[in-house]
């Protein structure tokens, strides 16, 4: 059994490193714009027209549909139930954090997060209760975007996705696993208001300002 796990772990690490090399190659191609007098603008927001249009769509959808749904959820569903839902998805995220800590070579915190996940999954009723925090095992949020960064992959250009909001190119490649396995956005990614239904308080951090003010550095946590 352990040999099978080692084979699968080795395959996963190799696949992620191949993706990391592809992203690095993509980042090098972006550097070709450095000879242009407007290089900084081109490399931070080369898809400005797309970003503006998608931002307008997201803002309208968030205001008229998603925020009312999230508000209704908060008002109708009892607080303890909402907290249990938040704990459950947080527990899934803890497992993903443990995987990424190990991929980053940070074995001690990786083992701690594995223990946290195991404790909440058993004594915490499949993660509905956060027993690990009460036991002194704090949550360490890690994701594939941070793992790519630790491997030396650059941020890449700025981009806004429909429904999901603003991101950087590196975070976009990590997004499928970070969002649907890790159940959260990466360090450079923020979700619109509808993710508040699961207890988050994330919102758009990208404002409709001139391009020079909409750089990746403005994507604050």
N, C-alpha and C. Protein backbone atom coordinates (compact mmCIF):
# COMPACT_ATOMS: atom_id res chain seq x y z
N UNK A 1 0.83 -1.21 0.00
CA UNK A 1 0.00 0.00 0.00
C UNK A 1 0.86 1.25 0.00
N UNK A 2 1.91 1.23 0.84
CA UNK A 2 2.79 2.40 0.92
C UNK A 2 3.52 2.62 -0.39
N UNK A 3 3.89 1.52 -1.09
CA UNK A 3 4.57 1.68 -2.37
C UNK A 3 3.66 2.29 -3.41
N UNK A 4 2.38 1.93 -3.38
CA UNK A 4 1.41 2.52 -4.31
C UNK A 4 1.26 4.01 -4.04
N UNK A 5 1.19 4.38 -2.76
CA UNK A 5 1.07 5.80 -2.40
C UNK A 5 2.29 6.58 -2.86
N UNK A 6 3.48 5.95 -2.72
CA UNK A 6 4.69 6.63 -3.15
C UNK A 6 4.69 6.84 -4.65
N UNK A 7 4.18 5.86 -5.42
CA UNK A 7 4.11 5.98 -6.88
C UNK A 7 3.19 7.12 -7.26
N UNK A 8 2.00 7.17 -6.63
CA UNK A 8 1.04 8.23 -6.93
C UNK A 8 1.58 9.60 -6.53
N UNK A 9 2.27 9.66 -5.38
CA UNK A 9 2.84 10.93 -4.93
C UNK A 9 3.91 11.40 -5.91
N UNK A 10 4.75 10.45 -6.38
CA UNK A 10 5.79 10.81 -7.33
C UNK A 10 5.21 11.29 -8.65
N UNK A 11 4.12 10.62 -9.09
CA UNK A 11 3.48 11.04 -10.34
C UNK A 11 2.88 12.43 -10.22
N UNK A 12 2.23 12.72 -9.08
CA UNK A 12 1.63 14.03 -8.87
C UNK A 12 2.69 15.11 -8.84
N UNK A 13 3.80 14.85 -8.14
CA UNK A 13 4.88 15.84 -8.07
C UNK A 13 5.46 16.11 -9.44
N UNK A 14 5.67 15.06 -10.25
CA UNK A 14 6.22 15.22 -11.59
C UNK A 14 5.29 16.03 -12.48
N UNK A 15 3.98 15.75 -12.38
CA UNK A 15 3.01 16.47 -13.20
C UNK A 15 2.98 17.95 -12.84
N UNK A 16 3.01 18.24 -11.54
CA UNK A 16 2.98 19.64 -11.11
C UNK A 16 4.25 20.37 -11.51
N UNK A 17 5.38 19.69 -11.46
CA UNK A 17 6.62 20.34 -11.86
C UNK A 17 6.64 20.61 -13.36
N UNK A 18 6.06 19.72 -14.16
CA UNK A 18 5.96 19.96 -15.60
C UNK A 18 5.10 21.20 -15.88
N UNK A 19 4.00 21.31 -15.14
CA UNK A 19 3.15 22.49 -15.28
C UNK A 19 3.90 23.73 -14.86
N UNK A 20 4.72 23.62 -13.81
CA UNK A 20 5.53 24.74 -13.35
C UNK A 20 6.49 25.20 -14.44
N UNK A 21 7.15 24.26 -15.13
CA UNK A 21 8.07 24.61 -16.21
C UNK A 21 7.34 25.29 -17.36
N UNK A 22 6.12 24.82 -17.66
CA UNK A 22 5.33 25.45 -18.72
C UNK A 22 4.99 26.88 -18.37
N UNK A 23 4.64 27.11 -17.11
CA UNK A 23 4.32 28.47 -16.67
C UNK A 23 5.54 29.37 -16.72
N UNK A 24 6.71 28.85 -16.38
CA UNK A 24 7.93 29.64 -16.46
C UNK A 24 8.23 30.03 -17.89
N UNK A 25 8.01 29.11 -18.84
CA UNK A 25 8.21 29.43 -20.24
C UNK A 25 7.26 30.53 -20.70
N UNK A 26 6.01 30.43 -20.21
CA UNK A 26 5.03 31.46 -20.54
C UNK A 26 5.45 32.81 -19.97
N UNK A 27 6.01 32.81 -18.77
CA UNK A 27 6.47 34.05 -18.17
C UNK A 27 7.62 34.66 -18.95
N UNK A 28 8.52 33.83 -19.52
CA UNK A 28 9.62 34.34 -20.31
C UNK A 28 9.12 35.00 -21.58
N UNK A 29 8.07 34.43 -22.19
CA UNK A 29 7.52 35.03 -23.40
C UNK A 29 6.92 36.39 -23.10
N UNK A 30 6.37 36.55 -21.90
CA UNK A 30 5.79 37.84 -21.51
C UNK A 30 6.87 38.91 -21.41
N UNK A 31 8.07 38.51 -21.04
CA UNK A 31 9.17 39.48 -20.87
C UNK A 31 9.58 40.12 -22.18
N UNK A 32 9.12 39.59 -23.31
CA UNK A 32 9.47 40.18 -24.60
C UNK A 32 8.95 41.60 -24.72
N UNK A 33 7.96 41.94 -23.91
CA UNK A 33 7.38 43.28 -23.98
C UNK A 33 8.25 44.32 -23.30
N UNK A 34 9.34 43.92 -22.67
CA UNK A 34 10.15 44.85 -21.90
C UNK A 34 10.83 45.90 -22.76
N UNK A 35 11.00 45.61 -24.07
CA UNK A 35 11.63 46.59 -24.94
C UNK A 35 10.69 47.73 -25.31
N UNK A 36 9.43 47.61 -25.02
CA UNK A 36 8.45 48.63 -25.35
C UNK A 36 8.48 49.72 -24.29
N UNK A 37 8.29 50.99 -24.67
CA UNK A 37 8.28 52.06 -23.66
C UNK A 37 7.16 51.94 -22.66
N UNK A 38 6.11 51.22 -23.01
CA UNK A 38 4.99 51.00 -22.09
C UNK A 38 5.04 49.58 -21.53
N UNK A 39 6.24 49.06 -21.31
CA UNK A 39 6.40 47.66 -20.90
C UNK A 39 5.68 47.35 -19.61
N UNK A 40 5.78 48.24 -18.63
CA UNK A 40 5.16 47.96 -17.33
C UNK A 40 3.67 47.78 -17.48
N UNK A 41 3.03 48.66 -18.23
CA UNK A 41 1.59 48.55 -18.43
C UNK A 41 1.22 47.29 -19.18
N UNK A 42 2.00 46.96 -20.22
CA UNK A 42 1.69 45.79 -21.04
C UNK A 42 1.83 44.50 -20.25
N UNK A 43 2.84 44.43 -19.38
CA UNK A 43 3.07 43.18 -18.66
C UNK A 43 2.13 43.01 -17.48
N UNK A 44 1.61 44.11 -16.93
CA UNK A 44 0.71 43.98 -15.79
C UNK A 44 -0.75 43.85 -16.20
N UNK A 45 -1.11 44.47 -17.32
CA UNK A 45 -2.50 44.42 -17.76
C UNK A 45 -2.58 44.39 -19.29
N UNK A 46 -2.03 43.34 -19.93
CA UNK A 46 -2.03 43.29 -21.39
C UNK A 46 -3.42 43.04 -21.97
N UNK A 47 -4.34 42.55 -21.14
CA UNK A 47 -5.69 42.25 -21.62
C UNK A 47 -6.69 43.23 -21.01
N UNK A 48 -6.35 44.51 -21.06
CA UNK A 48 -7.15 45.54 -20.40
C UNK A 48 -8.60 45.55 -20.90
N UNK A 49 -8.80 45.46 -22.20
CA UNK A 49 -10.16 45.53 -22.74
C UNK A 49 -11.02 44.38 -22.21
N UNK A 50 -10.48 43.18 -22.25
CA UNK A 50 -11.18 42.02 -21.69
C UNK A 50 -11.47 42.22 -20.21
N UNK A 51 -10.47 42.67 -19.47
CA UNK A 51 -10.62 42.85 -18.03
C UNK A 51 -11.72 43.85 -17.68
N UNK A 52 -11.77 44.97 -18.42
CA UNK A 52 -12.80 45.97 -18.15
C UNK A 52 -14.20 45.42 -18.42
N UNK A 53 -14.34 44.71 -19.54
CA UNK A 53 -15.66 44.17 -19.88
C UNK A 53 -16.12 43.11 -18.88
N UNK A 54 -15.22 42.23 -18.51
CA UNK A 54 -15.58 41.18 -17.56
C UNK A 54 -15.86 41.76 -16.19
N UNK A 55 -15.08 42.78 -15.79
CA UNK A 55 -15.33 43.42 -14.52
C UNK A 55 -16.73 44.04 -14.47
N UNK A 56 -17.14 44.68 -15.56
CA UNK A 56 -18.49 45.25 -15.61
C UNK A 56 -19.56 44.18 -15.49
N UNK A 57 -19.35 43.06 -16.17
CA UNK A 57 -20.31 41.95 -16.09
C UNK A 57 -20.38 41.40 -14.66
N UNK A 58 -19.21 41.18 -14.05
CA UNK A 58 -19.18 40.64 -12.68
C UNK A 58 -19.84 41.57 -11.69
N UNK A 59 -19.59 42.87 -11.84
CA UNK A 59 -20.16 43.85 -10.92
C UNK A 59 -21.68 43.85 -10.98
N UNK A 60 -22.22 43.82 -12.21
CA UNK A 60 -23.67 43.81 -12.38
C UNK A 60 -24.29 42.53 -11.83
N UNK A 61 -23.67 41.39 -12.13
CA UNK A 61 -24.19 40.12 -11.65
C UNK A 61 -24.13 40.03 -10.13
N UNK A 62 -23.03 40.53 -9.57
CA UNK A 62 -22.86 40.50 -8.13
C UNK A 62 -23.92 41.36 -7.43
N UNK A 63 -24.18 42.53 -7.99
CA UNK A 63 -25.12 43.47 -7.36
C UNK A 63 -26.56 42.97 -7.45
N UNK A 64 -26.94 42.43 -8.60
CA UNK A 64 -28.35 42.13 -8.84
C UNK A 64 -28.74 40.68 -8.52
N UNK A 65 -27.79 39.77 -8.49
CA UNK A 65 -28.14 38.36 -8.29
C UNK A 65 -27.40 37.75 -7.09
N UNK A 66 -26.09 37.77 -7.13
CA UNK A 66 -25.31 36.99 -6.17
C UNK A 66 -25.37 37.55 -4.76
N UNK A 67 -25.25 38.87 -4.62
CA UNK A 67 -25.30 39.45 -3.29
C UNK A 67 -26.66 39.25 -2.63
N UNK A 68 -27.79 39.44 -3.36
CA UNK A 68 -29.09 39.15 -2.72
C UNK A 68 -29.23 37.69 -2.27
N UNK A 69 -28.71 36.76 -3.09
CA UNK A 69 -28.78 35.34 -2.72
C UNK A 69 -27.96 35.09 -1.45
N UNK A 70 -26.74 35.67 -1.39
CA UNK A 70 -25.90 35.49 -0.22
C UNK A 70 -26.53 36.10 1.02
N UNK A 71 -27.16 37.26 0.84
CA UNK A 71 -27.81 37.92 1.97
C UNK A 71 -28.98 37.09 2.48
N UNK A 72 -29.78 36.55 1.56
CA UNK A 72 -30.91 35.72 1.96
C UNK A 72 -30.44 34.48 2.70
N UNK A 73 -29.36 33.88 2.22
CA UNK A 73 -28.80 32.70 2.88
C UNK A 73 -28.42 33.04 4.32
N UNK A 74 -27.75 34.18 4.52
CA UNK A 74 -27.31 34.57 5.85
C UNK A 74 -28.49 34.85 6.78
N UNK A 75 -29.58 35.36 6.22
CA UNK A 75 -30.73 35.72 7.04
C UNK A 75 -31.62 34.52 7.36
N UNK A 76 -31.65 33.53 6.47
CA UNK A 76 -32.58 32.40 6.62
C UNK A 76 -31.94 31.23 7.37
N UNK A 77 -30.70 30.89 7.01
CA UNK A 77 -30.04 29.72 7.60
C UNK A 77 -29.49 30.10 8.97
N UNK A 78 -29.77 29.31 10.00
CA UNK A 78 -29.27 29.61 11.35
C UNK A 78 -27.74 29.68 11.41
N UNK A 79 -27.24 30.51 12.29
CA UNK A 79 -25.81 30.70 12.43
C UNK A 79 -25.03 29.42 12.68
N UNK A 80 -25.47 28.54 13.60
CA UNK A 80 -24.72 27.31 13.84
C UNK A 80 -24.62 26.42 12.60
N UNK A 81 -25.67 26.41 11.79
CA UNK A 81 -25.63 25.60 10.57
C UNK A 81 -24.62 26.19 9.59
N UNK A 82 -24.64 27.51 9.45
CA UNK A 82 -23.68 28.16 8.56
C UNK A 82 -22.25 27.92 9.03
N UNK A 83 -22.05 27.94 10.35
CA UNK A 83 -20.71 27.69 10.88
C UNK A 83 -20.26 26.26 10.62
N UNK A 84 -21.19 25.31 10.72
CA UNK A 84 -20.85 23.91 10.44
C UNK A 84 -20.47 23.73 8.98
N UNK A 85 -21.19 24.42 8.08
CA UNK A 85 -20.86 24.35 6.64
C UNK A 85 -19.48 24.94 6.41
N UNK A 86 -19.21 26.08 7.03
CA UNK A 86 -17.90 26.72 6.90
C UNK A 86 -16.80 25.79 7.42
N UNK A 87 -17.02 25.15 8.56
CA UNK A 87 -16.03 24.23 9.13
C UNK A 87 -15.77 23.05 8.20
N UNK A 88 -16.85 22.52 7.61
CA UNK A 88 -16.69 21.36 6.72
C UNK A 88 -15.79 21.69 5.53
N UNK A 89 -16.08 22.79 4.84
CA UNK A 89 -15.27 23.16 3.69
C UNK A 89 -13.87 23.60 4.12
N UNK A 90 -13.77 24.20 5.30
CA UNK A 90 -12.44 24.54 5.81
C UNK A 90 -11.60 23.31 6.06
N UNK A 91 -12.24 22.23 6.49
CA UNK A 91 -11.52 20.98 6.73
C UNK A 91 -11.00 20.39 5.42
N UNK A 92 -11.80 20.48 4.36
CA UNK A 92 -11.33 20.04 3.05
C UNK A 92 -10.13 20.88 2.62
N UNK A 93 -10.22 22.19 2.87
CA UNK A 93 -9.10 23.06 2.55
C UNK A 93 -7.85 22.73 3.35
N UNK A 94 -8.01 22.27 4.58
CA UNK A 94 -6.85 21.88 5.39
C UNK A 94 -6.10 20.71 4.75
N UNK A 95 -6.83 19.78 4.17
CA UNK A 95 -6.19 18.65 3.50
C UNK A 95 -5.37 19.13 2.31
N UNK A 96 -5.93 20.07 1.55
CA UNK A 96 -5.23 20.62 0.39
C UNK A 96 -4.00 21.42 0.84
N UNK A 97 -4.12 22.13 1.96
CA UNK A 97 -2.98 22.86 2.50
C UNK A 97 -1.86 21.90 2.88
N UNK A 98 -2.21 20.76 3.48
CA UNK A 98 -1.21 19.78 3.86
C UNK A 98 -0.47 19.25 2.63
N UNK A 99 -1.20 18.97 1.55
CA UNK A 99 -0.58 18.49 0.32
C UNK A 99 0.42 19.51 -0.21
N UNK A 100 0.01 20.78 -0.24
CA UNK A 100 0.88 21.82 -0.80
C UNK A 100 2.09 22.09 0.09
N UNK A 101 1.93 22.01 1.39
CA UNK A 101 3.07 22.18 2.28
C UNK A 101 4.12 21.10 2.03
N UNK A 102 3.66 19.87 1.81
CA UNK A 102 4.59 18.78 1.51
C UNK A 102 5.26 18.98 0.16
N UNK A 103 4.50 19.46 -0.84
CA UNK A 103 5.08 19.73 -2.16
C UNK A 103 6.10 20.86 -2.10
N UNK A 104 5.92 21.77 -1.14
CA UNK A 104 6.87 22.87 -0.97
C UNK A 104 8.10 22.46 -0.16
N UNK A 105 8.10 21.22 0.34
CA UNK A 105 9.21 20.75 1.13
C UNK A 105 9.15 21.19 2.58
N UNK A 106 8.00 21.66 3.02
CA UNK A 106 7.82 22.12 4.40
C UNK A 106 7.13 20.99 5.18
N UNK A 107 7.92 20.03 5.61
CA UNK A 107 7.37 18.78 6.10
C UNK A 107 6.77 18.89 7.51
N UNK A 108 7.37 19.70 8.38
CA UNK A 108 6.83 19.82 9.73
C UNK A 108 5.44 20.46 9.73
N UNK A 109 5.25 21.65 9.11
CA UNK A 109 3.88 22.20 9.05
C UNK A 109 2.94 21.32 8.23
N UNK A 110 3.49 20.61 7.23
CA UNK A 110 2.66 19.69 6.45
C UNK A 110 2.11 18.57 7.33
N UNK A 111 2.96 18.04 8.22
CA UNK A 111 2.52 17.00 9.14
C UNK A 111 1.49 17.54 10.12
N UNK A 112 1.68 18.79 10.57
CA UNK A 112 0.73 19.40 11.49
C UNK A 112 -0.65 19.57 10.84
N UNK A 113 -0.68 20.00 9.58
CA UNK A 113 -1.95 20.17 8.90
C UNK A 113 -2.62 18.83 8.61
N UNK A 114 -1.79 17.81 8.35
CA UNK A 114 -2.34 16.47 8.17
C UNK A 114 -3.00 15.99 9.46
N UNK A 115 -2.34 16.25 10.59
CA UNK A 115 -2.90 15.89 11.89
C UNK A 115 -4.19 16.67 12.16
N UNK A 116 -4.19 17.95 11.79
CA UNK A 116 -5.38 18.77 11.97
C UNK A 116 -6.55 18.20 11.18
N UNK A 117 -6.30 17.85 9.92
CA UNK A 117 -7.35 17.28 9.07
C UNK A 117 -7.85 15.96 9.65
N UNK A 118 -6.94 15.11 10.09
CA UNK A 118 -7.33 13.82 10.64
C UNK A 118 -8.16 13.98 11.91
N UNK A 119 -7.78 14.91 12.76
CA UNK A 119 -8.50 15.13 14.01
C UNK A 119 -9.91 15.64 13.77
N UNK A 120 -10.04 16.63 12.88
CA UNK A 120 -11.37 17.18 12.61
C UNK A 120 -12.25 16.21 11.83
N UNK A 121 -11.62 15.37 11.00
CA UNK A 121 -12.39 14.41 10.21
C UNK A 121 -12.95 13.28 11.06
N UNK A 122 -12.31 12.98 12.16
CA UNK A 122 -12.76 11.89 13.03
C UNK A 122 -13.58 12.42 14.20
N UNK A 123 -12.91 13.08 15.12
CA UNK A 123 -13.60 13.58 16.32
C UNK A 123 -14.47 14.81 16.04
N UNK A 124 -14.23 15.47 14.90
CA UNK A 124 -15.01 16.66 14.55
C UNK A 124 -16.18 16.36 13.64
N UNK A 125 -16.59 15.09 13.55
CA UNK A 125 -17.77 14.71 12.75
C UNK A 125 -17.61 15.15 11.30
N UNK A 126 -16.56 14.62 10.64
CA UNK A 126 -16.28 14.90 9.23
C UNK A 126 -16.00 16.37 8.99
N UNK A 127 -15.50 17.06 10.01
CA UNK A 127 -15.12 18.45 9.84
C UNK A 127 -16.19 19.46 10.19
N UNK A 128 -17.36 19.00 10.62
CA UNK A 128 -18.43 19.94 11.00
C UNK A 128 -18.06 20.73 12.25
N UNK A 129 -17.20 20.13 13.09
CA UNK A 129 -16.72 20.80 14.29
C UNK A 129 -15.21 21.01 14.16
N UNK A 130 -14.72 22.16 14.59
CA UNK A 130 -13.30 22.46 14.51
C UNK A 130 -12.63 22.12 15.84
N UNK A 131 -12.41 20.83 16.06
CA UNK A 131 -11.79 20.35 17.28
C UNK A 131 -10.31 20.70 17.33
N UNK A 132 -9.66 20.71 16.17
CA UNK A 132 -8.21 20.90 16.12
C UNK A 132 -7.79 22.27 16.63
N UNK A 133 -8.56 23.31 16.31
CA UNK A 133 -8.22 24.65 16.79
C UNK A 133 -8.27 24.69 18.31
N UNK A 134 -9.29 24.06 18.88
CA UNK A 134 -9.40 24.03 20.34
C UNK A 134 -8.24 23.24 20.96
N UNK A 135 -7.69 22.30 20.18
CA UNK A 135 -6.57 21.50 20.68
C UNK A 135 -5.23 22.20 20.46
N UNK A 136 -5.25 23.39 19.86
CA UNK A 136 -4.02 24.16 19.68
C UNK A 136 -3.32 23.93 18.37
N UNK A 137 -3.97 23.26 17.41
CA UNK A 137 -3.37 23.05 16.09
C UNK A 137 -3.98 24.09 15.14
N UNK A 138 -3.24 25.15 14.90
CA UNK A 138 -3.76 26.25 14.09
C UNK A 138 -3.77 25.92 12.61
N UNK A 139 -4.64 26.60 11.90
CA UNK A 139 -4.76 26.43 10.44
C UNK A 139 -3.68 27.21 9.73
N UNK A 140 -3.03 26.59 8.75
CA UNK A 140 -2.04 27.25 7.88
C UNK A 140 -2.54 27.12 6.45
N UNK A 141 -2.97 28.22 5.90
CA UNK A 141 -3.54 28.21 4.56
C UNK A 141 -2.45 28.19 3.49
N UNK A 142 -2.44 27.16 2.70
CA UNK A 142 -1.52 27.04 1.57
C UNK A 142 -2.29 26.53 0.37
N UNK A 143 -1.81 26.89 -0.84
CA UNK A 143 -2.50 26.44 -2.04
C UNK A 143 -1.49 26.23 -3.16
N UNK A 144 -1.99 25.77 -4.31
CA UNK A 144 -1.10 25.44 -5.42
C UNK A 144 -0.44 26.70 -6.00
N UNK A 145 -1.14 27.83 -5.94
CA UNK A 145 -0.54 29.08 -6.40
C UNK A 145 0.72 29.41 -5.61
N UNK A 146 0.66 29.26 -4.29
CA UNK A 146 1.84 29.51 -3.46
C UNK A 146 2.93 28.47 -3.73
N UNK A 147 2.51 27.25 -4.03
CA UNK A 147 3.50 26.21 -4.35
C UNK A 147 4.23 26.56 -5.63
N UNK A 148 3.50 27.00 -6.66
CA UNK A 148 4.15 27.44 -7.89
C UNK A 148 5.13 28.58 -7.60
N UNK A 149 4.72 29.52 -6.73
CA UNK A 149 5.59 30.62 -6.39
C UNK A 149 6.86 30.16 -5.70
N UNK A 150 6.73 29.17 -4.82
CA UNK A 150 7.91 28.63 -4.12
C UNK A 150 8.84 27.91 -5.09
N UNK A 151 8.28 27.39 -6.19
CA UNK A 151 9.09 26.73 -7.21
C UNK A 151 9.72 27.73 -8.18
N UNK A 152 9.41 29.01 -7.99
CA UNK A 152 10.05 30.03 -8.82
C UNK A 152 9.23 30.52 -9.99
N UNK A 153 7.97 30.16 -10.08
CA UNK A 153 7.11 30.61 -11.17
C UNK A 153 6.66 32.04 -10.91
N UNK A 154 6.80 32.92 -11.89
CA UNK A 154 6.40 34.31 -11.74
C UNK A 154 4.90 34.48 -11.71
N UNK A 155 4.44 35.67 -11.27
CA UNK A 155 3.00 35.93 -11.16
C UNK A 155 2.29 35.93 -12.51
N UNK A 156 2.94 36.50 -13.53
CA UNK A 156 2.29 36.62 -14.83
C UNK A 156 1.36 37.80 -14.89
N UNK A 157 0.71 38.02 -16.04
CA UNK A 157 -0.17 39.19 -16.22
C UNK A 157 -1.44 39.12 -15.38
N UNK A 158 -2.08 40.26 -15.29
CA UNK A 158 -3.32 40.43 -14.56
C UNK A 158 -4.50 40.04 -15.45
N UNK A 159 -5.50 39.35 -14.90
CA UNK A 159 -6.66 38.95 -15.68
C UNK A 159 -7.88 38.85 -14.78
N UNK A 160 -9.04 39.18 -15.34
CA UNK A 160 -10.30 39.07 -14.61
C UNK A 160 -11.15 38.00 -15.27
N UNK A 161 -11.64 37.05 -14.48
CA UNK A 161 -12.45 35.94 -15.00
C UNK A 161 -13.92 36.17 -14.71
N UNK A 162 -14.80 35.75 -15.63
CA UNK A 162 -16.24 35.84 -15.36
C UNK A 162 -16.61 35.07 -14.08
N UNK A 163 -17.44 35.67 -13.25
CA UNK A 163 -17.91 35.11 -11.99
C UNK A 163 -16.83 35.04 -10.91
N UNK A 164 -15.64 34.63 -11.27
CA UNK A 164 -14.61 34.36 -10.28
C UNK A 164 -13.79 35.58 -9.91
N UNK A 165 -13.78 36.61 -10.74
CA UNK A 165 -13.13 37.85 -10.38
C UNK A 165 -11.68 37.95 -10.80
N UNK A 166 -10.92 38.88 -10.18
CA UNK A 166 -9.55 39.17 -10.60
C UNK A 166 -8.54 38.13 -10.13
N UNK A 167 -7.51 37.96 -10.94
CA UNK A 167 -6.48 37.00 -10.63
C UNK A 167 -5.20 37.39 -11.33
N UNK A 168 -4.16 36.61 -11.13
CA UNK A 168 -2.94 36.68 -11.91
C UNK A 168 -2.83 35.38 -12.69
N UNK A 169 -2.02 35.38 -13.75
CA UNK A 169 -2.00 34.22 -14.64
C UNK A 169 -1.58 32.96 -13.91
N UNK A 170 -0.56 33.07 -13.05
CA UNK A 170 -0.12 31.89 -12.30
C UNK A 170 -1.24 31.32 -11.44
N UNK A 171 -1.95 32.21 -10.75
CA UNK A 171 -3.06 31.78 -9.90
C UNK A 171 -4.17 31.17 -10.74
N UNK A 172 -4.33 31.62 -11.99
CA UNK A 172 -5.38 31.08 -12.85
C UNK A 172 -5.11 29.63 -13.20
N UNK A 173 -3.84 29.27 -13.41
CA UNK A 173 -3.50 27.88 -13.69
C UNK A 173 -3.75 27.00 -12.47
N UNK A 174 -3.56 27.57 -11.30
CA UNK A 174 -3.78 26.82 -10.06
C UNK A 174 -5.24 26.81 -9.64
N UNK A 175 -6.03 27.69 -10.26
CA UNK A 175 -7.41 27.91 -9.82
C UNK A 175 -8.29 26.67 -9.74
N UNK A 176 -8.30 25.79 -10.77
CA UNK A 176 -9.23 24.64 -10.69
C UNK A 176 -9.03 23.80 -9.43
N UNK A 177 -7.78 23.50 -9.09
CA UNK A 177 -7.53 22.68 -7.90
C UNK A 177 -7.71 23.49 -6.62
N UNK A 178 -7.22 24.75 -6.63
CA UNK A 178 -7.33 25.57 -5.42
C UNK A 178 -8.79 25.87 -5.09
N UNK A 179 -9.61 26.08 -6.10
CA UNK A 179 -11.00 26.44 -5.85
C UNK A 179 -11.85 25.23 -5.49
N UNK A 180 -11.69 24.14 -6.23
CA UNK A 180 -12.62 23.03 -6.06
C UNK A 180 -12.11 21.93 -5.14
N UNK A 181 -10.82 21.91 -4.87
CA UNK A 181 -10.29 20.98 -3.87
C UNK A 181 -9.95 21.74 -2.60
N UNK A 182 -9.17 22.81 -2.76
CA UNK A 182 -8.81 23.63 -1.61
C UNK A 182 -9.94 24.50 -1.13
N UNK A 183 -10.97 24.66 -1.99
CA UNK A 183 -12.18 25.38 -1.61
C UNK A 183 -11.93 26.83 -1.22
N UNK A 184 -10.98 27.47 -1.91
CA UNK A 184 -10.74 28.89 -1.68
C UNK A 184 -9.89 29.43 -2.81
N UNK A 185 -9.78 30.73 -2.86
CA UNK A 185 -8.92 31.40 -3.80
C UNK A 185 -7.51 31.45 -3.31
N UNK A 186 -6.62 31.65 -4.24
CA UNK A 186 -5.24 31.74 -3.86
C UNK A 186 -4.91 33.09 -3.30
N UNK A 187 -3.61 33.26 -2.97
CA UNK A 187 -3.18 34.51 -2.34
C UNK A 187 -3.38 35.70 -3.23
N UNK A 188 -3.41 35.50 -4.56
CA UNK A 188 -3.57 36.63 -5.47
C UNK A 188 -4.92 36.60 -6.15
N UNK A 189 -5.85 35.86 -5.61
CA UNK A 189 -7.15 35.69 -6.25
C UNK A 189 -8.25 36.01 -5.27
N UNK A 190 -9.26 36.74 -5.73
CA UNK A 190 -10.39 37.05 -4.88
C UNK A 190 -11.69 36.72 -5.58
N UNK A 191 -12.64 36.18 -4.82
CA UNK A 191 -13.91 35.77 -5.36
C UNK A 191 -14.96 36.84 -5.14
N UNK A 192 -15.99 36.88 -5.99
CA UNK A 192 -17.07 37.84 -5.79
C UNK A 192 -17.95 37.45 -4.61
N UNK A 193 -18.99 38.24 -4.39
CA UNK A 193 -19.75 38.16 -3.15
C UNK A 193 -20.46 36.83 -2.94
N UNK A 194 -20.71 36.08 -4.01
CA UNK A 194 -21.53 34.89 -3.80
C UNK A 194 -20.82 33.83 -3.00
N UNK A 195 -19.49 33.91 -2.84
CA UNK A 195 -18.80 32.95 -2.00
C UNK A 195 -19.05 33.23 -0.53
N UNK A 196 -19.68 34.36 -0.20
CA UNK A 196 -20.01 34.63 1.19
C UNK A 196 -21.03 33.64 1.73
N UNK A 197 -21.76 32.94 0.84
CA UNK A 197 -22.78 32.01 1.33
C UNK A 197 -22.16 30.87 2.11
N UNK A 198 -20.85 30.65 1.94
CA UNK A 198 -20.18 29.61 2.71
C UNK A 198 -19.40 30.20 3.87
N UNK A 199 -19.77 31.42 4.28
CA UNK A 199 -19.17 31.97 5.48
C UNK A 199 -18.00 32.88 5.22
N UNK A 200 -17.56 33.04 3.94
CA UNK A 200 -16.44 33.93 3.66
C UNK A 200 -16.91 35.37 3.63
N UNK A 201 -15.97 36.27 3.75
CA UNK A 201 -16.27 37.70 3.62
C UNK A 201 -15.39 38.29 2.53
N UNK A 202 -15.22 37.52 1.42
CA UNK A 202 -14.42 38.00 0.32
C UNK A 202 -15.31 38.80 -0.62
N UNK A 203 -14.75 39.78 -1.28
CA UNK A 203 -15.48 40.59 -2.24
C UNK A 203 -14.51 41.09 -3.28
N UNK A 204 -15.05 41.76 -4.30
CA UNK A 204 -14.19 42.32 -5.33
C UNK A 204 -13.22 43.31 -4.71
N UNK A 205 -11.95 43.18 -5.05
CA UNK A 205 -10.96 44.15 -4.58
C UNK A 205 -10.43 44.95 -5.76
N UNK A 206 -11.02 44.74 -6.93
CA UNK A 206 -10.56 45.40 -8.14
C UNK A 206 -11.53 46.52 -8.46
N UNK A 207 -11.07 47.73 -8.51
CA UNK A 207 -11.95 48.86 -8.76
C UNK A 207 -11.75 49.38 -10.17
N UNK A 208 -12.75 50.03 -10.70
CA UNK A 208 -12.73 50.52 -12.06
C UNK A 208 -11.96 51.84 -12.11
N UNK A 209 -10.64 51.73 -12.02
CA UNK A 209 -9.76 52.88 -12.01
C UNK A 209 -8.82 52.79 -13.19
N UNK A 210 -8.04 53.83 -13.48
CA UNK A 210 -7.09 53.77 -14.60
C UNK A 210 -6.16 52.58 -14.48
N UNK A 211 -5.67 52.14 -15.63
CA UNK A 211 -4.86 50.93 -15.67
C UNK A 211 -3.69 50.98 -14.71
N UNK A 212 -3.08 52.14 -14.57
CA UNK A 212 -1.91 52.24 -13.70
C UNK A 212 -2.21 51.91 -12.26
N UNK A 213 -3.49 52.00 -11.84
CA UNK A 213 -3.86 51.71 -10.46
C UNK A 213 -4.36 50.28 -10.29
N UNK A 214 -4.47 49.54 -11.40
CA UNK A 214 -5.01 48.20 -11.32
C UNK A 214 -3.89 47.19 -11.58
N UNK A 215 -2.82 47.28 -10.83
CA UNK A 215 -1.70 46.37 -10.98
C UNK A 215 -1.85 45.22 -9.99
N UNK A 216 -1.14 44.10 -10.26
CA UNK A 216 -1.23 42.98 -9.32
C UNK A 216 -0.90 43.36 -7.90
N UNK A 217 -0.07 44.37 -7.69
CA UNK A 217 0.26 44.77 -6.34
C UNK A 217 -0.91 45.30 -5.55
N UNK A 218 -1.98 45.68 -6.26
CA UNK A 218 -3.18 46.17 -5.58
C UNK A 218 -4.12 45.05 -5.16
N UNK A 219 -3.76 43.82 -5.47
CA UNK A 219 -4.59 42.70 -5.06
C UNK A 219 -4.20 42.31 -3.65
N UNK A 220 -4.78 42.98 -2.68
CA UNK A 220 -4.42 42.75 -1.29
C UNK A 220 -5.23 41.62 -0.72
N UNK A 221 -4.66 40.97 0.30
CA UNK A 221 -5.39 39.92 1.01
C UNK A 221 -6.49 40.53 1.84
